[in-house]
């Protein structure tokens, strides 16, 4: 990355179609803000379709998730707009979004998928 990135109006935004989304997992699209070398840090917006999920995974490094629209669940609690989840290395969870959501995800290192 050779320049700064600014995205305005992320909280309360309802139209996410102006971004160039890529497939990430079934039912989940990604808009990369930055990615470093393999095994390094990254940040992205993730857009979950209603009913989409990410399987059980382990955090190898720190993960920060900020919910911008909709809600997601980590199997313990439902996290709605404005929620910030910080997962330290060694923690595990699966994510589902019954209604769909958009989150900002920042990873110190890529997660390790435990079950597909």
PDB file of N, CA and C in Angstrom:
ATOM      1  N   UNK A   1       0.862  -1.170   0.000  1.00  0.00           N
ATOM      2  CA  UNK A   1       0.000   0.000   0.000  1.00  0.00           C
ATOM      3  C   UNK A   1       0.904   1.226   0.000  1.00  0.00           C
ATOM      4  N   UNK A   2       0.618   2.129  -0.882  1.00  0.00           N
ATOM      5  CA  UNK A   2       1.475   3.304  -0.996  1.00  0.00           C
ATOM      6  C   UNK A   2       0.753   4.616  -0.721  1.00  0.00           C
ATOM      7  N   UNK A   3      -0.476   4.545  -0.233  1.00  0.00           N
ATOM      8  CA  UNK A   3      -1.206   5.766   0.109  1.00  0.00           C
ATOM      9  C   UNK A   3      -2.187   5.490   1.231  1.00  0.00           C
ATOM     10  N   UNK A   4      -2.616   6.539   1.895  1.00  0.00           N
ATOM     11  CA  UNK A   4      -3.602   6.413   2.963  1.00  0.00           C
ATOM     12  C   UNK A   4      -4.975   6.101   2.379  1.00  0.00           C
ATOM     13  N   UNK A   5      -5.794   5.428   3.174  1.00  0.00           N
ATOM     14  CA  UNK A   5      -7.164   5.096   2.767  1.00  0.00           C
ATOM     15  C   UNK A   5      -8.118   5.749   3.746  1.00  0.00           C
ATOM     16  N   UNK A   6      -9.138   6.425   3.232  1.00  0.00           N
ATOM     17  CA  UNK A   6     -10.179   7.013   4.069  1.00  0.00           C
ATOM     18  C   UNK A   6     -11.532   6.555   3.545  1.00  0.00           C
ATOM     19  N   UNK A   7     -12.340   5.989   4.438  1.00  0.00           N
ATOM     20  CA  UNK A   7     -13.712   5.620   4.113  1.00  0.00           C
ATOM     21  C   UNK A   7     -14.607   6.352   5.096  1.00  0.00           C
ATOM     22  N   UNK A   8     -15.422   7.250   4.602  1.00  0.00           N
ATOM     23  CA  UNK A   8     -16.298   8.052   5.461  1.00  0.00           C
ATOM     24  C   UNK A   8     -17.685   7.428   5.543  1.00  0.00           C
ATOM     25  N   UNK A   9     -18.394   7.737   6.619  1.00  0.00           N
ATOM     26  CA  UNK A   9     -19.794   7.345   6.757  1.00  0.00           C
ATOM     27  C   UNK A   9     -20.028   5.859   6.902  1.00  0.00           C
ATOM     28  N   UNK A  10     -19.146   5.156   7.576  1.00  0.00           N
ATOM     29  CA  UNK A  10     -19.315   3.712   7.692  1.00  0.00           C
ATOM     30  C   UNK A  10     -20.414   3.320   8.672  1.00  0.00           C
ATOM     31  N   UNK A  11     -20.590   4.064   9.754  1.00  0.00           N
ATOM     32  CA  UNK A  11     -21.653   3.766  10.718  1.00  0.00           C
ATOM     33  C   UNK A  11     -22.969   4.285  10.146  1.00  0.00           C
ATOM     34  N   UNK A  12     -23.972   3.432  10.105  1.00  0.00           N
ATOM     35  CA  UNK A  12     -25.275   3.827   9.591  1.00  0.00           C
ATOM     36  C   UNK A  12     -25.410   3.741   8.086  1.00  0.00           C
ATOM     37  N   UNK A  13     -24.355   3.354   7.417  1.00  0.00           N
ATOM     38  CA  UNK A  13     -24.410   3.238   5.955  1.00  0.00           C
ATOM     39  C   UNK A  13     -25.324   2.083   5.576  1.00  0.00           C
ATOM     40  N   UNK A  14     -26.133   2.278   4.547  1.00  0.00           N
ATOM     41  CA  UNK A  14     -27.039   1.223   4.090  1.00  0.00           C
ATOM     42  C   UNK A  14     -26.694   0.728   2.685  1.00  0.00           C
ATOM     43  N   UNK A  15     -25.922   1.501   1.929  1.00  0.00           N
ATOM     44  CA  UNK A  15     -25.561   1.107   0.564  1.00  0.00           C
ATOM     45  C   UNK A  15     -24.069   0.767   0.527  1.00  0.00           C
ATOM     46  N   UNK A  16     -23.782  -0.512   0.407  1.00  0.00           N
ATOM     47  CA  UNK A  16     -22.396  -0.982   0.378  1.00  0.00           C
ATOM     48  C   UNK A  16     -21.989  -1.421  -1.026  1.00  0.00           C
ATOM     49  N   UNK A  17     -22.848  -1.186  -2.021  1.00  0.00           N
ATOM     50  CA  UNK A  17     -22.605  -1.685  -3.371  1.00  0.00           C
ATOM     51  C   UNK A  17     -21.516  -0.934  -4.126  1.00  0.00           C
ATOM     52  N   UNK A  18     -21.111   0.234  -3.657  1.00  0.00           N
ATOM     53  CA  UNK A  18     -20.084   1.003  -4.364  1.00  0.00           C
ATOM     54  C   UNK A  18     -18.676   0.471  -4.157  1.00  0.00           C
ATOM     55  N   UNK A  19     -18.519  -0.546  -3.313  1.00  0.00           N
ATOM     56  CA  UNK A  19     -17.203  -1.113  -3.047  1.00  0.00           C
ATOM     57  C   UNK A  19     -16.957  -2.329  -3.937  1.00  0.00           C
ATOM     58  N   UNK A  20     -15.712  -2.611  -4.221  1.00  0.00           N
ATOM     59  CA  UNK A  20     -15.357  -3.753  -5.053  1.00  0.00           C
ATOM     60  C   UNK A  20     -15.151  -4.970  -4.156  1.00  0.00           C
ATOM     61  N   UNK A  21     -16.219  -5.723  -3.965  1.00  0.00           N
ATOM     62  CA  UNK A  21     -16.202  -6.889  -3.099  1.00  0.00           C
ATOM     63  C   UNK A  21     -15.632  -8.095  -3.828  1.00  0.00           C
ATOM     64  N   UNK A  22     -14.980  -8.970  -3.083  1.00  0.00           N
ATOM     65  CA  UNK A  22     -14.464 -10.231  -3.611  1.00  0.00           C
ATOM     66  C   UNK A  22     -15.038 -11.373  -2.770  1.00  0.00           C
ATOM     67  N   UNK A  23     -15.153 -12.572  -3.340  1.00  0.00           N
ATOM     68  CA  UNK A  23     -15.568 -13.721  -2.525  1.00  0.00           C
ATOM     69  C   UNK A  23     -14.545 -13.974  -1.418  1.00  0.00           C
ATOM     70  N   UNK A  24     -15.021 -14.361  -0.235  1.00  0.00           N
ATOM     71  CA  UNK A  24     -14.146 -14.635   0.900  1.00  0.00           C
ATOM     72  C   UNK A  24     -14.404 -16.048   1.423  1.00  0.00           C
ATOM     73  N   UNK A  25     -15.652 -16.297   1.805  1.00  0.00           N
ATOM     74  CA  UNK A  25     -16.139 -17.615   2.224  1.00  0.00           C
ATOM     75  C   UNK A  25     -17.561 -17.701   1.683  1.00  0.00           C
ATOM     76  N   UNK A  26     -18.177 -18.878   1.653  1.00  0.00           N
ATOM     77  CA  UNK A  26     -19.557 -18.949   1.165  1.00  0.00           C
ATOM     78  C   UNK A  26     -20.467 -17.978   1.932  1.00  0.00           C
ATOM     79  N   UNK A  27     -21.112 -17.068   1.209  1.00  0.00           N
ATOM     80  CA  UNK A  27     -22.017 -16.101   1.813  1.00  0.00           C
ATOM     81  C   UNK A  27     -21.339 -14.892   2.431  1.00  0.00           C
ATOM     82  N   UNK A  28     -20.009 -14.813   2.336  1.00  0.00           N
ATOM     83  CA  UNK A  28     -19.256 -13.687   2.910  1.00  0.00           C
ATOM     84  C   UNK A  28     -18.349 -13.106   1.831  1.00  0.00           C
ATOM     85  N   UNK A  29     -18.465 -11.789   1.651  1.00  0.00           N
ATOM     86  CA  UNK A  29     -17.609 -11.082   0.696  1.00  0.00           C
ATOM     87  C   UNK A  29     -16.626 -10.203   1.465  1.00  0.00           C
ATOM     88  N   UNK A  30     -15.509  -9.854   0.816  1.00  0.00           N
ATOM     89  CA  UNK A  30     -14.467  -9.065   1.467  1.00  0.00           C
ATOM     90  C   UNK A  30     -14.092  -7.867   0.596  1.00  0.00           C
ATOM     91  N   UNK A  31     -13.832  -6.748   1.252  1.00  0.00           N
ATOM     92  CA  UNK A  31     -13.251  -5.566   0.617  1.00  0.00           C
ATOM     93  C   UNK A  31     -11.967  -5.274   1.382  1.00  0.00           C
ATOM     94  N   UNK A  32     -10.827  -5.586   0.777  1.00  0.00           N
ATOM     95  CA  UNK A  32      -9.537  -5.442   1.459  1.00  0.00           C
ATOM     96  C   UNK A  32      -9.141  -3.983   1.602  1.00  0.00           C
ATOM     97  N   UNK A  33      -8.807  -3.586   2.815  1.00  0.00           N
ATOM     98  CA  UNK A  33      -8.261  -2.249   3.073  1.00  0.00           C
ATOM     99  C   UNK A  33      -6.745  -2.289   2.945  1.00  0.00           C
ATOM    100  N   UNK A  34      -6.142  -3.351   3.469  1.00  0.00           N
ATOM    101  CA  UNK A  34      -4.724  -3.633   3.237  1.00  0.00           C
ATOM    102  C   UNK A  34      -4.435  -5.082   3.594  1.00  0.00           C
ATOM    103  N   UNK A  35      -3.402  -5.600   3.000  1.00  0.00           N
ATOM    104  CA  UNK A  35      -2.873  -6.927   3.321  1.00  0.00           C
ATOM    105  C   UNK A  35      -1.358  -6.829   3.245  1.00  0.00           C
ATOM    106  N   UNK A  36      -0.683  -7.436   4.207  1.00  0.00           N
ATOM    107  CA  UNK A  36       0.767  -7.482   4.157  1.00  0.00           C
ATOM    108  C   UNK A  36       1.181  -8.867   3.664  1.00  0.00           C
ATOM    109  N   UNK A  37       2.442  -9.179   3.782  1.00  0.00           N
ATOM    110  CA  UNK A  37       2.928 -10.474   3.295  1.00  0.00           C
ATOM    111  C   UNK A  37       2.203 -11.634   3.968  1.00  0.00           C
ATOM    112  N   UNK A  38       2.371 -12.810   3.414  1.00  0.00           N
ATOM    113  CA  UNK A  38       1.711 -14.008   3.948  1.00  0.00           C
ATOM    114  C   UNK A  38       2.020 -14.162   5.434  1.00  0.00           C
ATOM    115  N   UNK A  39       0.978 -14.362   6.209  1.00  0.00           N
ATOM    116  CA  UNK A  39       1.146 -14.511   7.646  1.00  0.00           C
ATOM    117  C   UNK A  39       1.197 -13.210   8.406  1.00  0.00           C
ATOM    118  N   UNK A  40       1.042 -12.082   7.700  1.00  0.00           N
ATOM    119  CA  UNK A  40       1.114 -10.777   8.345  1.00  0.00           C
ATOM    120  C   UNK A  40      -0.251 -10.163   8.593  1.00  0.00           C
ATOM    121  N   UNK A  41      -0.247  -8.907   8.969  1.00  0.00           N
ATOM    122  CA  UNK A  41      -1.473  -8.204   9.325  1.00  0.00           C
ATOM    123  C   UNK A  41      -2.314  -7.856   8.099  1.00  0.00           C
ATOM    124  N   UNK A  42      -3.599  -7.622   8.364  1.00  0.00           N
ATOM    125  CA  UNK A  42      -4.536  -7.262   7.303  1.00  0.00           C
ATOM    126  C   UNK A  42      -5.740  -6.571   7.925  1.00  0.00           C
ATOM    127  N   UNK A  43      -6.445  -5.817   7.101  1.00  0.00           N
ATOM    128  CA  UNK A  43      -7.705  -5.189   7.511  1.00  0.00           C
ATOM    129  C   UNK A  43      -8.658  -5.219   6.323  1.00  0.00           C
ATOM    130  N   UNK A  44      -9.931  -5.412   6.622  1.00  0.00           N
ATOM    131  CA  UNK A  44     -10.919  -5.520   5.550  1.00  0.00           C
ATOM    132  C   UNK A  44     -12.307  -5.253   6.095  1.00  0.00           C
ATOM    133  N   UNK A  45     -13.220  -4.954   5.181  1.00  0.00           N
ATOM    134  CA  UNK A  45     -14.647  -4.977   5.483  1.00  0.00           C
ATOM    135  C   UNK A  45     -15.144  -6.350   5.058  1.00  0.00           C
ATOM    136  N   UNK A  46     -15.951  -6.974   5.888  1.00  0.00           N
ATOM    137  CA  UNK A  46     -16.578  -8.247   5.553  1.00  0.00           C
ATOM    138  C   UNK A  46     -18.077  -8.041   5.496  1.00  0.00           C
ATOM    139  N   UNK A  47     -18.692  -8.529   4.436  1.00  0.00           N
ATOM    140  CA  UNK A  47     -20.136  -8.409   4.252  1.00  0.00           C
ATOM    141  C   UNK A  47     -20.747  -9.810   4.280  1.00  0.00           C
ATOM    142  N   UNK A  48     -21.503 -10.096   5.348  1.00  0.00           N
ATOM    143  CA  UNK A  48     -22.169 -11.382   5.515  1.00  0.00           C
ATOM    144  C   UNK A  48     -23.578 -11.287   4.948  1.00  0.00           C
ATOM    145  N   UNK A  49     -23.942 -12.219   4.082  1.00  0.00           N
ATOM    146  CA  UNK A  49     -25.320 -12.341   3.626  1.00  0.00           C
ATOM    147  C   UNK A  49     -26.138 -12.931   4.782  1.00  0.00           C
ATOM    148  N   UNK A  50     -27.455 -12.708   4.820  1.00  0.00           N
ATOM    149  CA  UNK A  50     -28.256 -13.326   5.886  1.00  0.00           C
ATOM    150  C   UNK A  50     -28.041 -14.839   5.926  1.00  0.00           C
ATOM    151  N   UNK A  51     -27.764 -15.348   7.113  1.00  0.00           N
ATOM    152  CA  UNK A  51     -27.542 -16.775   7.310  1.00  0.00           C
ATOM    153  C   UNK A  51     -26.107 -17.237   7.091  1.00  0.00           C
ATOM    154  N   UNK A  52     -25.221 -16.346   6.678  1.00  0.00           N
ATOM    155  CA  UNK A  52     -23.830 -16.734   6.404  1.00  0.00           C
ATOM    156  C   UNK A  52     -23.071 -16.987   7.704  1.00  0.00           C
ATOM    157  N   UNK A  53     -21.996 -17.746   7.570  1.00  0.00           N
ATOM    158  CA  UNK A  53     -21.187 -18.051   8.744  1.00  0.00           C
ATOM    159  C   UNK A  53     -19.729 -18.237   8.365  1.00  0.00           C
ATOM    160  N   UNK A  54     -18.888 -18.155   9.374  1.00  0.00           N
ATOM    161  CA  UNK A  54     -17.472 -18.497   9.259  1.00  0.00           C
ATOM    162  C   UNK A  54     -17.255 -19.631  10.255  1.00  0.00           C
ATOM    163  N   UNK A  55     -16.668 -20.748   9.805  1.00  0.00           N
ATOM    164  CA  UNK A  55     -16.561 -21.906  10.693  1.00  0.00           C
ATOM    165  C   UNK A  55     -15.620 -21.657  11.876  1.00  0.00           C
ATOM    166  N   UNK A  56     -15.619 -22.610  12.783  1.00  0.00           N
ATOM    167  CA  UNK A  56     -14.756 -22.530  13.954  1.00  0.00           C
ATOM    168  C   UNK A  56     -13.325 -22.241  13.519  1.00  0.00           C
ATOM    169  N   UNK A  57     -12.743 -21.220  14.136  1.00  0.00           N
ATOM    170  CA  UNK A  57     -11.375 -20.843  13.808  1.00  0.00           C
ATOM    171  C   UNK A  57     -10.641 -20.383  15.066  1.00  0.00           C
ATOM    172  N   UNK A  58      -9.326 -20.456  14.995  1.00  0.00           N
ATOM    173  CA  UNK A  58      -8.475 -20.042  16.103  1.00  0.00           C
ATOM    174  C   UNK A  58      -7.709 -18.795  15.718  1.00  0.00           C
ATOM    175  N   UNK A  59      -7.598 -17.889  16.669  1.00  0.00           N
ATOM    176  CA  UNK A  59      -6.844 -16.658  16.431  1.00  0.00           C
ATOM    177  C   UNK A  59      -5.372 -16.888  16.747  1.00  0.00           C
ATOM    178  N   UNK A  60      -4.550 -16.778  15.730  1.00  0.00           N
ATOM    179  CA  UNK A  60      -3.104 -16.947  15.871  1.00  0.00           C
ATOM    180  C   UNK A  60      -2.498 -15.643  16.386  1.00  0.00           C
ATOM    181  N   UNK A  61      -3.105 -14.530  16.008  1.00  0.00           N
ATOM    182  CA  UNK A  61      -2.741 -13.199  16.495  1.00  0.00           C
ATOM    183  C   UNK A  61      -4.009 -12.499  16.952  1.00  0.00           C
ATOM    184  N   UNK A  62      -3.889 -11.249  17.318  1.00  0.00           N
ATOM    185  CA  UNK A  62      -5.050 -10.457  17.746  1.00  0.00           C
ATOM    186  C   UNK A  62      -6.008 -10.235  16.585  1.00  0.00           C
ATOM    187  N   UNK A  63      -7.315 -10.237  16.893  1.00  0.00           N
ATOM    188  CA  UNK A  63      -8.353  -9.913  15.912  1.00  0.00           C
ATOM    189  C   UNK A  63      -9.271  -8.869  16.535  1.00  0.00           C
ATOM    190  N   UNK A  64      -9.578  -7.820  15.777  1.00  0.00           N
ATOM    191  CA  UNK A  64     -10.521  -6.788  16.198  1.00  0.00           C
ATOM    192  C   UNK A  64     -11.647  -6.763  15.178  1.00  0.00           C
ATOM    193  N   UNK A  65     -12.884  -6.868  15.650  1.00  0.00           N
ATOM    194  CA  UNK A  65     -14.068  -6.818  14.791  1.00  0.00           C
ATOM    195  C   UNK A  65     -14.970  -5.696  15.300  1.00  0.00           C
ATOM    196  N   UNK A  66     -15.344  -4.778  14.408  1.00  0.00           N
ATOM    197  CA  UNK A  66     -16.247  -3.684  14.743  1.00  0.00           C
ATOM    198  C   UNK A  66     -17.462  -3.792  13.836  1.00  0.00           C
ATOM    199  N   UNK A  67     -18.651  -3.946  14.403  1.00  0.00           N
ATOM    200  CA  UNK A  67     -19.873  -4.138  13.622  1.00  0.00           C
ATOM    201  C   UNK A  67     -20.383  -2.780  13.124  1.00  0.00           C
ATOM    202  N   UNK A  68     -20.493  -2.663  11.805  1.00  0.00           N
ATOM    203  CA  UNK A  68     -20.928  -1.418  11.161  1.00  0.00           C
ATOM    204  C   UNK A  68     -22.398  -1.439  10.774  1.00  0.00           C
ATOM    205  N   UNK A  69     -22.930  -2.613  10.463  1.00  0.00           N
ATOM    206  CA  UNK A  69     -24.340  -2.763  10.062  1.00  0.00           C
ATOM    207  C   UNK A  69     -24.781  -4.178  10.399  1.00  0.00           C
ATOM    208  N   UNK A  70     -26.049  -4.343  10.760  1.00  0.00           N
ATOM    209  CA  UNK A  70     -26.579  -5.665  11.068  1.00  0.00           C
ATOM    210  C   UNK A  70     -26.052  -6.193  12.390  1.00  0.00           C
ATOM    211  N   UNK A  71     -25.881  -7.503  12.465  1.00  0.00           N
ATOM    212  CA  UNK A  71     -25.401  -8.134  13.700  1.00  0.00           C
ATOM    213  C   UNK A  71     -24.794  -9.484  13.374  1.00  0.00           C
ATOM    214  N   UNK A  72     -23.910  -9.919  14.255  1.00  0.00           N
ATOM    215  CA  UNK A  72     -23.338 -11.255  14.144  1.00  0.00           C
ATOM    216  C   UNK A  72     -23.270 -11.880  15.527  1.00  0.00           C
ATOM    217  N   UNK A  73     -23.141 -13.208  15.554  1.00  0.00           N
ATOM    218  CA  UNK A  73     -23.076 -13.930  16.813  1.00  0.00           C
ATOM    219  C   UNK A  73     -21.832 -14.799  16.829  1.00  0.00           C
ATOM    220  N   UNK A  74     -21.218 -14.873  18.013  1.00  0.00           N
ATOM    221  CA  UNK A  74     -20.046 -15.735  18.189  1.00  0.00           C
ATOM    222  C   UNK A  74     -20.412 -17.023  18.918  1.00  0.00           C
ATOM    223  N   UNK A  75     -21.703 -17.341  18.984  1.00  0.00           N
ATOM    224  CA  UNK A  75     -22.161 -18.533  19.677  1.00  0.00           C
ATOM    225  C   UNK A  75     -22.450 -18.301  21.143  1.00  0.00           C
ATOM    226  N   UNK A  76     -22.007 -17.177  21.667  1.00  0.00           N
ATOM    227  CA  UNK A  76     -22.248 -16.829  23.065  1.00  0.00           C
ATOM    228  C   UNK A  76     -23.169 -15.626  23.153  1.00  0.00           C
ATOM    229  N   UNK A  77     -22.927 -14.656  22.287  1.00  0.00           N
ATOM    230  CA  UNK A  77     -23.653 -13.391  22.354  1.00  0.00           C
ATOM    231  C   UNK A  77     -23.883 -12.830  20.954  1.00  0.00           C
ATOM    232  N   UNK A  78     -24.970 -12.089  20.790  1.00  0.00           N
ATOM    233  CA  UNK A  78     -25.265 -11.365  19.548  1.00  0.00           C
ATOM    234  C   UNK A  78     -24.630  -9.991  19.663  1.00  0.00           C
ATOM    235  N   UNK A  79     -23.901  -9.584  18.625  1.00  0.00           N
ATOM    236  CA  UNK A  79     -23.203  -8.299  18.625  1.00  0.00           C
ATOM    237  C   UNK A  79     -23.772  -7.427  17.506  1.00  0.00           C
ATOM    238  N   UNK A  80     -24.389  -6.307  17.878  1.00  0.00           N
ATOM    239  CA  UNK A  80     -25.014  -5.411  16.911  1.00  0.00           C
ATOM    240  C   UNK A  80     -24.146  -4.213  16.575  1.00  0.00           C
ATOM    241  N   UNK A  81     -24.737  -3.287  15.829  1.00  0.00           N
ATOM    242  CA  UNK A  81     -24.026  -2.093  15.365  1.00  0.00           C
ATOM    243  C   UNK A  81     -23.335  -1.388  16.530  1.00  0.00           C
ATOM    244  N   UNK A  82     -22.073  -1.068  16.325  1.00  0.00           N
ATOM    245  CA  UNK A  82     -21.287  -0.371  17.336  1.00  0.00           C
ATOM    246  C   UNK A  82     -20.522  -1.280  18.267  1.00  0.00           C
ATOM    247  N   UNK A  83     -20.755  -2.594  18.199  1.00  0.00           N
ATOM    248  CA  UNK A  83     -20.034  -3.531  19.063  1.00  0.00           C
ATOM    249  C   UNK A  83     -18.610  -3.721  18.555  1.00  0.00           C
ATOM    250  N   UNK A  84     -17.677  -3.781  19.485  1.00  0.00           N
ATOM    251  CA  UNK A  84     -16.274  -4.060  19.187  1.00  0.00           C
ATOM    252  C   UNK A  84     -15.894  -5.329  19.920  1.00  0.00           C
ATOM    253  N   UNK A  85     -15.461  -6.334  19.169  1.00  0.00           N
ATOM    254  CA  UNK A  85     -15.001  -7.589  19.759  1.00  0.00           C
ATOM    255  C   UNK A  85     -13.496  -7.681  19.534  1.00  0.00           C
ATOM    256  N   UNK A  86     -12.764  -7.975  20.595  1.00  0.00           N
ATOM    257  CA  UNK A  86     -11.317  -8.143  20.509  1.00  0.00           C
ATOM    258  C   UNK A  86     -11.004  -9.561  20.968  1.00  0.00           C
ATOM    259  N   UNK A  87     -10.425 -10.346  20.062  1.00  0.00           N
ATOM    260  CA  UNK A  87     -10.101 -11.740  20.360  1.00  0.00           C
ATOM    261  C   UNK A  87      -8.586 -11.894  20.439  1.00  0.00           C
ATOM    262  N   UNK A  88      -8.071 -12.309  21.605  1.00  0.00           N
ATOM    263  CA  UNK A  88      -6.623 -12.483  21.744  1.00  0.00           C
ATOM    264  C   UNK A  88      -6.138 -13.789  21.114  1.00  0.00           C
ATOM    265  N   UNK A  89      -4.837 -13.893  20.879  1.00  0.00           N
ATOM    266  CA  UNK A  89      -4.289 -15.139  20.343  1.00  0.00           C
ATOM    267  C   UNK A  89      -4.681 -16.328  21.219  1.00  0.00           C
ATOM    268  N   UNK A  90      -4.988 -17.445  20.553  1.00  0.00           N
ATOM    269  CA  UNK A  90      -5.352 -18.669  21.247  1.00  0.00           C
ATOM    270  C   UNK A  90      -6.841 -18.864  21.449  1.00  0.00           C
ATOM    271  N   UNK A  91      -7.653 -17.808  21.230  1.00  0.00           N
ATOM    272  CA  UNK A  91      -9.098 -17.960  21.388  1.00  0.00           C
ATOM    273  C   UNK A  91      -9.704 -18.544  20.116  1.00  0.00           C
ATOM    274  N   UNK A  92     -10.888 -19.150  20.277  1.00  0.00           N
ATOM    275  CA  UNK A  92     -11.582 -19.794  19.161  1.00  0.00           C
ATOM    276  C   UNK A  92     -13.062 -19.428  19.188  1.00  0.00           C
ATOM    277  N   UNK A  93     -13.653 -19.347  18.025  1.00  0.00           N
ATOM    278  CA  UNK A  93     -15.102 -19.215  17.909  1.00  0.00           C
ATOM    279  C   UNK A  93     -15.510 -19.420  16.457  1.00  0.00           C
ATOM    280  N   UNK A  94     -16.794 -19.629  16.256  1.00  0.00           N
ATOM    281  CA  UNK A  94     -17.409 -19.622  14.931  1.00  0.00           C
ATOM    282  C   UNK A  94     -18.315 -18.397  14.906  1.00  0.00           C
ATOM    283  N   UNK A  95     -18.556 -17.838  13.735  1.00  0.00           N
ATOM    284  CA  UNK A  95     -19.381 -16.642  13.595  1.00  0.00           C
ATOM    285  C   UNK A  95     -20.562 -16.942  12.683  1.00  0.00           C
ATOM    286  N   UNK A  96     -21.742 -16.474  13.067  1.00  0.00           N
ATOM    287  CA  UNK A  96     -22.920 -16.557  12.208  1.00  0.00           C
ATOM    288  C   UNK A  96     -23.597 -15.189  12.182  1.00  0.00           C
ATOM    289  N   UNK A  97     -24.328 -14.939  11.104  1.00  0.00           N
ATOM    290  CA  UNK A  97     -25.110 -13.709  11.013  1.00  0.00           C
ATOM    291  C   UNK A  97     -26.464 -14.043  10.408  1.00  0.00           C
ATOM    292  N   UNK A  98     -27.461 -14.177  11.264  1.00  0.00           N
ATOM    293  CA  UNK A  98     -28.801 -14.507  10.803  1.00  0.00           C
ATOM    294  C   UNK A  98     -29.401 -13.453   9.897  1.00  0.00           C
ATOM    295  N   UNK A  99     -29.162 -12.185  10.218  1.00  0.00           N
ATOM    296  CA  UNK A  99     -29.752 -11.083   9.441  1.00  0.00           C
ATOM    297  C   UNK A  99     -28.806 -10.477   8.419  1.00  0.00           C
ATOM    298  N   UNK A 100     -27.542 -10.898   8.439  1.00  0.00           N
ATOM    299  CA  UNK A 100     -26.518 -10.288   7.599  1.00  0.00           C
ATOM    300  C   UNK A 100     -25.877  -9.129   8.340  1.00  0.00           C
ATOM    301  N   UNK A 101     -24.656  -8.816   7.957  1.00  0.00           N
ATOM    302  CA  UNK A 101     -23.957  -7.711   8.611  1.00  0.00           C
ATOM    303  C   UNK A 101     -22.767  -7.274   7.783  1.00  0.00           C
ATOM    304  N   UNK A 102     -22.239  -6.109   8.149  1.00  0.00           N
ATOM    305  CA  UNK A 102     -20.974  -5.622   7.610  1.00  0.00           C
ATOM    306  C   UNK A 102     -20.112  -5.280   8.811  1.00  0.00           C
ATOM    307  N   UNK A 103     -18.869  -5.794   8.809  1.00  0.00           N
ATOM    308  CA  UNK A 103     -17.955  -5.538   9.910  1.00  0.00           C
ATOM    309  C   UNK A 103     -16.618  -5.060   9.374  1.00  0.00           C
ATOM    310  N   UNK A 104     -15.924  -4.306  10.200  1.00  0.00           N
ATOM    311  CA  UNK A 104     -14.530  -3.975   9.961  1.00  0.00           C
ATOM    312  C   UNK A 104     -13.716  -5.006  10.723  1.00  0.00           C
ATOM    313  N   UNK A 105     -12.830  -5.703  10.037  1.00  0.00           N
ATOM    314  CA  UNK A 105     -11.985  -6.728  10.661  1.00  0.00           C
ATOM    315  C   UNK A 105     -10.530  -6.318  10.525  1.00  0.00           C
ATOM    316  N   UNK A 106      -9.796  -6.392  11.629  1.00  0.00           N
ATOM    317  CA  UNK A 106      -8.361  -6.118  11.629  1.00  0.00           C
ATOM    318  C   UNK A 106      -7.678  -7.321  12.265  1.00  0.00           C
ATOM    319  N   UNK A 107      -6.770  -7.929  11.516  1.00  0.00           N
ATOM    320  CA  UNK A 107      -6.072  -9.117  11.985  1.00  0.00           C
ATOM    321  C   UNK A 107      -4.584  -8.842  12.110  1.00  0.00           C
ATOM    322  N   UNK A 108      -4.019  -9.247  13.247  1.00  0.00           N
ATOM    323  CA  UNK A 108      -2.559  -9.197  13.402  1.00  0.00           C
ATOM    324  C   UNK A 108      -1.921 -10.268  12.517  1.00  0.00           C
ATOM    325  N   UNK A 109      -2.565 -11.450  12.501  1.00  0.00           N
ATOM    326  CA  UNK A 109      -2.136 -12.589  11.684  1.00  0.00           C
ATOM    327  C   UNK A 109      -3.391 -13.290  11.197  1.00  0.00           C
ATOM    328  N   UNK A 110      -3.309 -14.011  10.081  1.00  0.00           N
ATOM    329  CA  UNK A 110      -4.491 -14.739   9.602  1.00  0.00           C
ATOM    330  C   UNK A 110      -4.964 -15.765  10.632  1.00  0.00           C
ATOM    331  N   UNK A 111      -6.272 -16.004  10.647  1.00  0.00           N
ATOM    332  CA  UNK A 111      -6.825 -17.017  11.551  1.00  0.00           C
ATOM    333  C   UNK A 111      -6.559 -18.408  10.971  1.00  0.00           C
ATOM    334  N   UNK A 112      -6.674 -19.417  11.829  1.00  0.00           N
ATOM    335  CA  UNK A 112      -6.512 -20.807  11.404  1.00  0.00           C
ATOM    336  C   UNK A 112      -7.876 -21.473  11.461  1.00  0.00           C
ATOM    337  N   UNK A 113      -8.423 -21.871  10.315  1.00  0.00           N
ATOM    338  CA  UNK A 113      -9.727 -22.534  10.261  1.00  0.00           C
ATOM    339  C   UNK A 113      -9.583 -23.933  10.865  1.00  0.00           C
ATOM    340  N   UNK A 114     -10.471 -24.264  11.795  1.00  0.00           N
ATOM    341  CA  UNK A 114     -10.427 -25.556  12.471  1.00  0.00           C
ATOM    342  C   UNK A 114     -11.391 -26.530  11.824  1.00  0.00           C
ATOM    343  N   UNK A 115     -12.574 -26.050  11.443  1.00  0.00           N
ATOM    344  CA  UNK A 115     -13.530 -26.915  10.754  1.00  0.00           C
ATOM    345  C   UNK A 115     -14.171 -26.135   9.620  1.00  0.00           C
ATOM    346  N   UNK A 116     -14.363 -26.813   8.492  1.00  0.00           N
ATOM    347  CA  UNK A 116     -14.934 -26.146   7.323  1.00  0.00           C
ATOM    348  C   UNK A 116     -16.412 -26.409   7.222  1.00  0.00           C
TER     349      UNK A 116
END
